[in-house]
Amino acid sequence: MTLERRGAAGAVSAKGRHLVGYAARFGVQTNIGSFRERIAPGAFAASLASGRDILALVDHDPKALLGRTRSGTLMLKEDADGLAFDLALPDTRSAADLLALAERGDIGGMSFGFVAREDHWTGDLRELRAVELHEISVVQSWPAYEQTTVAVRARHAEHDLRRLWLLTV
């Protein structure tokens, strides 16, 4: 199986050391070269339930690590809208650069790297029904899906949001 990457643009604002938003949205179509694609609800469920370590990167670059599920610095969950994330940013140069870009509104959006485990084709429309998620990425330029969102939230709200996150998973 081939590792694929998909992304989307989204609004970004900077107010703290956490990025939150959606790395993927369900039911939204996008053009991927010669075909269209959309993500079905539940596409990430098995991957998230597996407990695999999923990374948060900058532009899909494994040398630009921002966090991971294994350490708890990246939290992921599916809800009715898509793949939601909460990323605690590290005290690194790349994270500081992302915050500066977010404050200016210059972040392109979010993306995700995956291997398709189940898909369905109707003409030139591919529906991703189950994917093995490897990473999500903050995209500084042009993502494939324009409906993802990313925002920065304040550190002082971290405890309350982590508790709420755990209750809703």
N, C-alpha and C. Protein backbone atom coordinates (compact mmCIF):
# COMPACT_ATOMS: atom_id res chain seq x y z
N MET A 1 0.83 -1.18 0.00
CA MET A 1 0.00 0.00 0.00
C MET A 1 0.88 1.26 0.00
N THR A 2 0.40 2.30 -0.62
CA THR A 2 1.14 3.54 -0.76
C THR A 2 0.66 4.56 0.25
N LEU A 3 1.62 5.26 0.87
CA LEU A 3 1.29 6.35 1.77
C LEU A 3 0.81 7.53 0.94
N GLU A 4 -0.39 8.02 1.25
CA GLU A 4 -0.96 9.17 0.55
C GLU A 4 -1.05 10.34 1.50
N ARG A 5 -1.13 11.54 0.95
CA ARG A 5 -1.26 12.74 1.77
C ARG A 5 -2.39 13.59 1.21
N ARG A 6 -3.18 14.14 2.14
CA ARG A 6 -4.27 15.03 1.76
C ARG A 6 -4.29 16.18 2.74
N GLY A 7 -4.71 17.35 2.26
CA GLY A 7 -4.76 18.50 3.14
C GLY A 7 -5.85 19.45 2.76
N ALA A 8 -6.05 20.46 3.61
CA ALA A 8 -7.09 21.44 3.37
C ALA A 8 -6.74 22.77 4.02
N ALA A 9 -7.23 23.83 3.42
CA ALA A 9 -7.02 25.17 3.95
C ALA A 9 -7.95 25.41 5.12
N GLY A 10 -7.59 26.34 5.97
CA GLY A 10 -8.45 26.67 7.09
C GLY A 10 -8.01 27.94 7.77
N ALA A 11 -8.92 28.58 8.45
CA ALA A 11 -8.61 29.80 9.16
C ALA A 11 -7.72 29.51 10.36
N VAL A 12 -6.78 30.40 10.65
CA VAL A 12 -5.86 30.23 11.76
C VAL A 12 -5.80 31.53 12.54
N SER A 13 -5.83 31.42 13.87
CA SER A 13 -5.58 32.59 14.71
C SER A 13 -4.62 32.16 15.81
N ALA A 14 -3.87 33.09 16.34
CA ALA A 14 -2.85 32.76 17.34
C ALA A 14 -3.20 33.41 18.68
N LYS A 15 -3.36 32.57 19.72
CA LYS A 15 -3.66 33.07 21.06
C LYS A 15 -2.96 32.25 22.13
N GLY A 16 -2.18 31.28 21.78
CA GLY A 16 -1.56 30.43 22.79
C GLY A 16 -0.64 29.39 22.21
N ARG A 17 -0.37 28.33 22.95
CA ARG A 17 0.59 27.31 22.56
C ARG A 17 -0.06 26.00 22.10
N HIS A 18 -1.36 26.01 21.87
CA HIS A 18 -2.05 24.82 21.35
C HIS A 18 -2.67 25.14 20.00
N LEU A 19 -2.51 24.22 19.06
CA LEU A 19 -3.26 24.29 17.82
C LEU A 19 -4.42 23.32 17.94
N VAL A 20 -5.60 23.75 17.56
CA VAL A 20 -6.79 22.91 17.59
C VAL A 20 -7.54 23.09 16.29
N GLY A 21 -8.29 22.08 15.90
CA GLY A 21 -9.09 22.20 14.69
C GLY A 21 -9.39 20.86 14.09
N TYR A 22 -9.51 20.83 12.76
CA TYR A 22 -9.82 19.62 12.01
C TYR A 22 -8.74 19.36 10.98
N ALA A 23 -8.17 18.15 11.02
CA ALA A 23 -7.19 17.74 10.02
C ALA A 23 -7.90 17.18 8.79
N ALA A 24 -9.16 16.79 8.93
CA ALA A 24 -9.96 16.28 7.81
C ALA A 24 -11.43 16.51 8.13
N ARG A 25 -12.22 16.75 7.10
CA ARG A 25 -13.67 16.92 7.23
C ARG A 25 -14.39 15.83 6.45
N PHE A 26 -15.45 15.31 7.04
CA PHE A 26 -16.23 14.26 6.39
C PHE A 26 -17.17 14.84 5.33
N GLY A 27 -17.39 14.07 4.26
CA GLY A 27 -18.40 14.40 3.26
C GLY A 27 -18.07 15.54 2.33
N VAL A 28 -16.87 16.09 2.39
CA VAL A 28 -16.48 17.22 1.55
C VAL A 28 -15.68 16.70 0.37
N GLN A 29 -16.03 17.12 -0.83
CA GLN A 29 -15.32 16.69 -2.02
C GLN A 29 -14.18 17.62 -2.35
N THR A 30 -13.10 17.04 -2.89
CA THR A 30 -11.99 17.82 -3.40
C THR A 30 -11.45 17.15 -4.65
N ASN A 31 -10.76 17.90 -5.47
CA ASN A 31 -10.15 17.36 -6.68
C ASN A 31 -8.72 16.94 -6.38
N ILE A 32 -8.38 15.68 -6.69
CA ILE A 32 -7.03 15.15 -6.51
C ILE A 32 -6.56 14.72 -7.89
N GLY A 33 -5.94 15.62 -8.60
CA GLY A 33 -5.47 15.29 -9.95
C GLY A 33 -6.62 14.94 -10.86
N SER A 34 -6.65 13.68 -11.32
CA SER A 34 -7.65 13.26 -12.30
C SER A 34 -8.92 12.71 -11.67
N PHE A 35 -9.05 12.77 -10.35
CA PHE A 35 -10.26 12.25 -9.70
C PHE A 35 -10.68 13.15 -8.55
N ARG A 36 -11.91 12.91 -8.10
CA ARG A 36 -12.45 13.61 -6.94
C ARG A 36 -12.40 12.67 -5.75
N GLU A 37 -12.40 13.25 -4.55
CA GLU A 37 -12.32 12.41 -3.35
C GLU A 37 -13.11 13.04 -2.22
N ARG A 38 -13.66 12.17 -1.35
CA ARG A 38 -14.29 12.61 -0.11
C ARG A 38 -14.02 11.56 0.95
N ILE A 39 -14.15 11.96 2.20
CA ILE A 39 -13.87 11.09 3.34
C ILE A 39 -15.19 10.74 4.01
N ALA A 40 -15.42 9.45 4.22
CA ALA A 40 -16.65 8.98 4.86
C ALA A 40 -16.52 9.06 6.37
N PRO A 41 -17.63 9.35 7.07
CA PRO A 41 -17.60 9.29 8.53
C PRO A 41 -17.12 7.91 8.99
N GLY A 42 -16.28 7.89 10.00
CA GLY A 42 -15.74 6.64 10.52
C GLY A 42 -14.46 6.19 9.85
N ALA A 43 -13.98 6.92 8.86
CA ALA A 43 -12.79 6.50 8.11
C ALA A 43 -11.55 6.36 9.00
N PHE A 44 -11.47 7.12 10.07
CA PHE A 44 -10.29 7.10 10.94
C PHE A 44 -10.49 6.23 12.19
N ALA A 45 -11.68 5.72 12.41
CA ALA A 45 -12.04 5.06 13.67
C ALA A 45 -11.12 3.89 14.02
N ALA A 46 -10.91 2.97 13.11
CA ALA A 46 -10.07 1.80 13.41
C ALA A 46 -8.63 2.21 13.69
N SER A 47 -8.14 3.16 12.95
CA SER A 47 -6.77 3.63 13.14
C SER A 47 -6.60 4.27 14.52
N LEU A 48 -7.56 5.08 14.92
CA LEU A 48 -7.50 5.72 16.24
C LEU A 48 -7.66 4.69 17.35
N ALA A 49 -8.53 3.71 17.16
CA ALA A 49 -8.76 2.69 18.18
C ALA A 49 -7.57 1.74 18.34
N SER A 50 -6.74 1.65 17.31
CA SER A 50 -5.60 0.72 17.34
C SER A 50 -4.53 1.13 18.35
N GLY A 51 -4.52 2.40 18.74
CA GLY A 51 -3.50 2.88 19.66
C GLY A 51 -2.16 3.16 19.01
N ARG A 52 -2.10 3.11 17.68
CA ARG A 52 -0.85 3.39 16.98
C ARG A 52 -0.38 4.81 17.27
N ASP A 53 0.91 5.03 17.24
CA ASP A 53 1.50 6.34 17.46
C ASP A 53 1.37 7.16 16.19
N ILE A 54 0.62 8.26 16.28
CA ILE A 54 0.39 9.14 15.13
C ILE A 54 1.14 10.44 15.40
N LEU A 55 1.84 10.93 14.40
CA LEU A 55 2.68 12.12 14.55
C LEU A 55 1.98 13.38 14.08
N ALA A 56 2.41 14.52 14.61
CA ALA A 56 2.03 15.84 14.10
C ALA A 56 3.31 16.45 13.55
N LEU A 57 3.26 16.85 12.28
CA LEU A 57 4.44 17.35 11.57
C LEU A 57 4.16 18.70 10.93
N VAL A 58 5.20 19.32 10.43
CA VAL A 58 5.08 20.51 9.59
C VAL A 58 5.31 20.06 8.16
N ASP A 59 4.34 20.30 7.29
CA ASP A 59 4.45 19.99 5.86
C ASP A 59 4.90 18.55 5.58
N HIS A 60 4.44 17.59 6.37
CA HIS A 60 4.73 16.17 6.19
C HIS A 60 6.21 15.83 6.35
N ASP A 61 6.99 16.71 6.96
CA ASP A 61 8.43 16.50 7.12
C ASP A 61 8.71 15.81 8.45
N PRO A 62 9.20 14.55 8.45
CA PRO A 62 9.46 13.85 9.72
C PRO A 62 10.55 14.50 10.56
N LYS A 63 11.32 15.40 9.96
CA LYS A 63 12.34 16.13 10.73
C LYS A 63 11.74 17.35 11.44
N ALA A 64 10.47 17.64 11.15
CA ALA A 64 9.80 18.79 11.76
C ALA A 64 8.66 18.29 12.66
N LEU A 65 9.01 17.51 13.67
CA LEU A 65 8.05 16.92 14.59
C LEU A 65 7.49 17.98 15.55
N LEU A 66 6.17 18.00 15.68
CA LEU A 66 5.50 18.92 16.60
C LEU A 66 4.92 18.21 17.81
N GLY A 67 4.54 16.93 17.65
CA GLY A 67 3.94 16.18 18.74
C GLY A 67 3.57 14.79 18.27
N ARG A 68 3.05 13.98 19.22
CA ARG A 68 2.64 12.61 18.88
C ARG A 68 1.63 12.11 19.89
N THR A 69 0.83 11.16 19.44
CA THR A 69 -0.20 10.63 20.33
C THR A 69 0.41 9.84 21.48
N ARG A 70 1.50 9.13 21.24
CA ARG A 70 2.12 8.31 22.28
C ARG A 70 2.50 9.12 23.52
N SER A 71 2.96 10.35 23.32
CA SER A 71 3.37 11.19 24.45
C SER A 71 2.21 12.01 25.02
N GLY A 72 1.08 12.02 24.32
CA GLY A 72 -0.07 12.82 24.77
C GLY A 72 -0.02 14.27 24.32
N THR A 73 0.98 14.65 23.52
CA THR A 73 1.06 16.02 23.03
C THR A 73 0.15 16.25 21.82
N LEU A 74 -0.32 15.17 21.22
CA LEU A 74 -1.30 15.22 20.13
C LEU A 74 -2.49 14.36 20.53
N MET A 75 -3.66 14.96 20.52
CA MET A 75 -4.89 14.23 20.78
C MET A 75 -5.76 14.29 19.53
N LEU A 76 -6.29 13.15 19.15
CA LEU A 76 -7.12 13.03 17.96
C LEU A 76 -8.43 12.35 18.30
N LYS A 77 -9.50 12.76 17.64
CA LYS A 77 -10.78 12.06 17.78
C LYS A 77 -11.64 12.36 16.57
N GLU A 78 -12.52 11.41 16.27
CA GLU A 78 -13.52 11.62 15.25
C GLU A 78 -14.77 12.15 15.92
N ASP A 79 -15.41 13.11 15.28
CA ASP A 79 -16.74 13.54 15.71
C ASP A 79 -17.61 13.62 14.46
N ALA A 80 -18.76 14.20 14.56
CA ALA A 80 -19.68 14.23 13.42
C ALA A 80 -19.12 15.01 12.23
N ASP A 81 -18.19 15.94 12.47
CA ASP A 81 -17.65 16.78 11.40
C ASP A 81 -16.40 16.21 10.73
N GLY A 82 -15.58 15.48 11.49
CA GLY A 82 -14.36 14.99 10.89
C GLY A 82 -13.34 14.55 11.92
N LEU A 83 -12.06 14.65 11.57
CA LEU A 83 -10.96 14.29 12.43
C LEU A 83 -10.48 15.53 13.17
N ALA A 84 -10.85 15.63 14.45
CA ALA A 84 -10.48 16.78 15.28
C ALA A 84 -9.14 16.51 15.94
N PHE A 85 -8.38 17.58 16.16
CA PHE A 85 -7.09 17.44 16.82
C PHE A 85 -6.87 18.54 17.84
N ASP A 86 -6.02 18.26 18.81
CA ASP A 86 -5.54 19.21 19.80
C ASP A 86 -4.05 18.94 19.95
N LEU A 87 -3.23 19.91 19.57
CA LEU A 87 -1.78 19.74 19.54
C LEU A 87 -1.11 20.75 20.47
N ALA A 88 -0.42 20.24 21.50
CA ALA A 88 0.38 21.08 22.39
C ALA A 88 1.71 21.33 21.69
N LEU A 89 1.97 22.58 21.34
CA LEU A 89 3.19 22.91 20.60
C LEU A 89 4.42 22.89 21.49
N PRO A 90 5.54 22.37 20.99
CA PRO A 90 6.78 22.35 21.76
C PRO A 90 7.45 23.72 21.75
N ASP A 91 8.44 23.87 22.59
CA ASP A 91 9.23 25.10 22.62
C ASP A 91 10.42 24.93 21.67
N THR A 92 10.09 24.93 20.36
CA THR A 92 11.11 24.77 19.32
C THR A 92 11.01 25.90 18.33
N ARG A 93 12.04 26.04 17.51
CA ARG A 93 12.06 27.09 16.49
C ARG A 93 10.92 26.90 15.49
N SER A 94 10.69 25.64 15.06
CA SER A 94 9.63 25.42 14.06
C SER A 94 8.25 25.75 14.62
N ALA A 95 8.01 25.43 15.90
CA ALA A 95 6.73 25.77 16.51
C ALA A 95 6.58 27.29 16.66
N ALA A 96 7.66 27.96 17.03
CA ALA A 96 7.62 29.42 17.13
C ALA A 96 7.34 30.05 15.77
N ASP A 97 7.94 29.50 14.72
CA ASP A 97 7.68 29.99 13.37
C ASP A 97 6.21 29.80 12.99
N LEU A 98 5.65 28.63 13.34
CA LEU A 98 4.24 28.38 13.05
C LEU A 98 3.33 29.38 13.78
N LEU A 99 3.65 29.65 15.04
CA LEU A 99 2.85 30.61 15.79
C LEU A 99 2.91 32.00 15.15
N ALA A 100 4.10 32.39 14.70
CA ALA A 100 4.24 33.70 14.04
C ALA A 100 3.41 33.74 12.76
N LEU A 101 3.44 32.66 11.98
CA LEU A 101 2.63 32.60 10.76
C LEU A 101 1.14 32.59 11.08
N ALA A 102 0.75 31.88 12.14
CA ALA A 102 -0.65 31.83 12.54
C ALA A 102 -1.15 33.21 12.97
N GLU A 103 -0.32 33.95 13.70
CA GLU A 103 -0.71 35.29 14.13
C GLU A 103 -0.97 36.20 12.94
N ARG A 104 -0.26 35.99 11.86
CA ARG A 104 -0.43 36.80 10.65
C ARG A 104 -1.54 36.27 9.74
N GLY A 105 -2.05 35.07 10.04
CA GLY A 105 -3.07 34.46 9.18
C GLY A 105 -2.48 33.81 7.94
N ASP A 106 -1.22 33.39 8.00
CA ASP A 106 -0.53 32.87 6.82
C ASP A 106 -0.46 31.34 6.72
N ILE A 107 -1.02 30.61 7.67
CA ILE A 107 -1.00 29.15 7.59
C ILE A 107 -1.98 28.68 6.52
N GLY A 108 -1.54 27.74 5.69
CA GLY A 108 -2.38 27.26 4.59
C GLY A 108 -3.51 26.36 5.03
N GLY A 109 -3.31 25.53 6.06
CA GLY A 109 -4.34 24.61 6.52
C GLY A 109 -3.75 23.38 7.16
N MET A 110 -4.50 22.29 7.13
CA MET A 110 -4.07 21.02 7.73
C MET A 110 -4.07 19.95 6.66
N SER A 111 -3.36 18.87 6.95
CA SER A 111 -3.24 17.75 6.04
C SER A 111 -3.07 16.47 6.84
N PHE A 112 -3.16 15.33 6.19
CA PHE A 112 -2.93 14.05 6.87
C PHE A 112 -2.29 13.06 5.91
N GLY A 113 -1.43 12.21 6.46
CA GLY A 113 -0.78 11.16 5.69
C GLY A 113 -1.39 9.82 6.08
N PHE A 114 -1.73 8.99 5.10
CA PHE A 114 -2.49 7.77 5.38
C PHE A 114 -2.22 6.71 4.33
N VAL A 115 -2.63 5.50 4.65
CA VAL A 115 -2.72 4.40 3.70
C VAL A 115 -4.19 4.03 3.64
N ALA A 116 -4.75 3.99 2.45
CA ALA A 116 -6.16 3.62 2.29
C ALA A 116 -6.32 2.13 2.55
N ARG A 117 -7.20 1.77 3.46
CA ARG A 117 -7.50 0.37 3.76
C ARG A 117 -8.81 -0.07 3.10
N GLU A 118 -9.73 0.89 2.93
CA GLU A 118 -10.98 0.60 2.22
C GLU A 118 -11.43 1.87 1.53
N ASP A 119 -11.67 1.76 0.22
CA ASP A 119 -12.21 2.88 -0.52
C ASP A 119 -13.25 2.36 -1.50
N HIS A 120 -14.05 3.25 -2.02
CA HIS A 120 -15.11 2.88 -2.96
C HIS A 120 -15.12 3.92 -4.08
N TRP A 121 -15.18 3.43 -5.31
CA TRP A 121 -15.18 4.31 -6.47
C TRP A 121 -16.55 4.32 -7.13
N THR A 122 -17.04 5.52 -7.45
CA THR A 122 -18.23 5.72 -8.27
C THR A 122 -17.80 6.67 -9.38
N GLY A 123 -17.53 6.12 -10.55
CA GLY A 123 -16.97 6.94 -11.63
C GLY A 123 -15.61 7.46 -11.22
N ASP A 124 -15.45 8.79 -11.25
CA ASP A 124 -14.17 9.39 -10.86
C ASP A 124 -14.17 9.88 -9.41
N LEU A 125 -15.18 9.48 -8.63
CA LEU A 125 -15.28 9.87 -7.21
C LEU A 125 -14.81 8.73 -6.32
N ARG A 126 -13.77 8.99 -5.54
CA ARG A 126 -13.25 8.01 -4.58
C ARG A 126 -13.72 8.41 -3.19
N GLU A 127 -14.32 7.46 -2.49
CA GLU A 127 -14.70 7.69 -1.10
C GLU A 127 -13.77 6.88 -0.20
N LEU A 128 -13.06 7.56 0.68
CA LEU A 128 -12.21 6.89 1.66
C LEU A 128 -13.09 6.43 2.80
N ARG A 129 -13.18 5.10 3.00
CA ARG A 129 -14.04 4.54 4.03
C ARG A 129 -13.26 4.07 5.26
N ALA A 130 -12.02 3.69 5.08
CA ALA A 130 -11.15 3.30 6.20
C ALA A 130 -9.72 3.61 5.81
N VAL A 131 -9.01 4.34 6.67
CA VAL A 131 -7.61 4.67 6.40
C VAL A 131 -6.76 4.33 7.61
N GLU A 132 -5.52 4.01 7.35
CA GLU A 132 -4.52 3.83 8.41
C GLU A 132 -3.80 5.16 8.51
N LEU A 133 -4.08 5.91 9.56
CA LEU A 133 -3.53 7.25 9.73
C LEU A 133 -2.10 7.17 10.27
N HIS A 134 -1.19 7.87 9.61
CA HIS A 134 0.21 7.91 10.03
C HIS A 134 0.59 9.25 10.64
N GLU A 135 0.05 10.33 10.10
CA GLU A 135 0.41 11.65 10.61
C GLU A 135 -0.60 12.68 10.17
N ILE A 136 -0.62 13.78 10.93
CA ILE A 136 -1.30 14.99 10.49
C ILE A 136 -0.22 16.05 10.36
N SER A 137 -0.45 17.01 9.50
CA SER A 137 0.55 18.06 9.27
C SER A 137 -0.09 19.43 9.21
N VAL A 138 0.62 20.40 9.77
CA VAL A 138 0.29 21.80 9.54
C VAL A 138 0.90 22.14 8.19
N VAL A 139 0.07 22.61 7.26
CA VAL A 139 0.51 22.91 5.91
C VAL A 139 0.70 24.42 5.77
N GLN A 140 1.89 24.82 5.41
CA GLN A 140 2.17 26.24 5.30
C GLN A 140 1.74 26.83 3.97
N SER A 141 1.49 25.98 2.95
CA SER A 141 1.18 26.49 1.62
C SER A 141 -0.19 26.04 1.14
N TRP A 142 -0.24 25.05 0.24
CA TRP A 142 -1.47 24.68 -0.45
C TRP A 142 -1.95 23.29 -0.07
N PRO A 143 -2.98 23.18 0.74
CA PRO A 143 -3.53 21.86 1.05
C PRO A 143 -4.53 21.42 -0.01
N ALA A 144 -4.85 20.11 -0.01
CA ALA A 144 -5.78 19.56 -0.99
C ALA A 144 -7.23 19.85 -0.61
N TYR A 145 -7.57 19.71 0.66
CA TYR A 145 -8.93 19.98 1.13
C TYR A 145 -8.97 21.38 1.76
N GLU A 146 -9.93 22.19 1.35
CA GLU A 146 -9.99 23.56 1.83
C GLU A 146 -10.84 23.75 3.08
N GLN A 147 -11.47 22.69 3.59
CA GLN A 147 -12.41 22.84 4.70
C GLN A 147 -11.83 22.53 6.07
N THR A 148 -10.55 22.21 6.17
CA THR A 148 -9.99 21.94 7.48
C THR A 148 -9.81 23.25 8.23
N THR A 149 -9.70 23.16 9.55
CA THR A 149 -9.50 24.36 10.36
C THR A 149 -8.36 24.13 11.34
N VAL A 150 -7.71 25.21 11.69
CA VAL A 150 -6.68 25.18 12.71
C VAL A 150 -6.70 26.53 13.40
N ALA A 151 -6.63 26.51 14.72
CA ALA A 151 -6.60 27.73 15.52
C ALA A 151 -5.65 27.51 16.68
N VAL A 152 -5.20 28.57 17.27
CA VAL A 152 -4.30 28.48 18.41
C VAL A 152 -5.09 28.86 19.65
N ARG A 153 -4.97 28.06 20.71
CA ARG A 153 -5.69 28.37 21.94
C ARG A 153 -4.70 28.62 23.07
N ALA A 154 -5.16 29.32 24.07
CA ALA A 154 -4.31 29.75 25.18
C ALA A 154 -3.93 28.58 26.08
N ARG A 155 -2.73 28.64 26.64
CA ARG A 155 -2.23 27.58 27.52
C ARG A 155 -3.06 27.48 28.79
N HIS A 156 -3.57 28.59 29.33
CA HIS A 156 -4.30 28.53 30.60
C HIS A 156 -5.57 27.68 30.53
N ALA A 157 -6.07 27.47 29.33
CA ALA A 157 -7.28 26.66 29.17
C ALA A 157 -6.94 25.18 28.97
N GLU A 158 -5.66 24.83 28.98
CA GLU A 158 -5.23 23.47 28.66
C GLU A 158 -5.87 22.42 29.55
N HIS A 159 -5.87 22.61 30.85
CA HIS A 159 -6.39 21.60 31.76
C HIS A 159 -7.87 21.33 31.52
N ASP A 160 -8.66 22.39 31.41
CA ASP A 160 -10.10 22.22 31.22
C ASP A 160 -10.41 21.55 29.88
N LEU A 161 -9.69 21.94 28.82
CA LEU A 161 -9.94 21.35 27.52
C LEU A 161 -9.50 19.90 27.47
N ARG A 162 -8.38 19.55 28.11
CA ARG A 162 -7.95 18.15 28.14
C ARG A 162 -8.99 17.30 28.86
N ARG A 163 -9.53 17.80 29.95
CA ARG A 163 -10.55 17.06 30.69
C ARG A 163 -11.79 16.89 29.83
N LEU A 164 -12.23 17.96 29.16
CA LEU A 164 -13.39 17.89 28.26
C LEU A 164 -13.11 16.93 27.11
N TRP A 165 -11.92 17.00 26.56
CA TRP A 165 -11.54 16.12 25.45
C TRP A 165 -11.66 14.66 25.87
N LEU A 166 -11.14 14.32 27.03
CA LEU A 166 -11.18 12.95 27.49
C LEU A 166 -12.61 12.48 27.75
N LEU A 167 -13.46 13.38 28.20
CA LEU A 167 -14.85 13.01 28.46
C LEU A 167 -15.64 12.77 27.18
N THR A 168 -15.22 13.42 26.07
CA THR A 168 -15.97 13.31 24.82
C THR A 168 -15.44 12.24 23.89
N VAL A 169 -14.31 11.64 24.20
CA VAL A 169 -13.73 10.62 23.32
C VAL A 169 -14.50 9.31 23.46
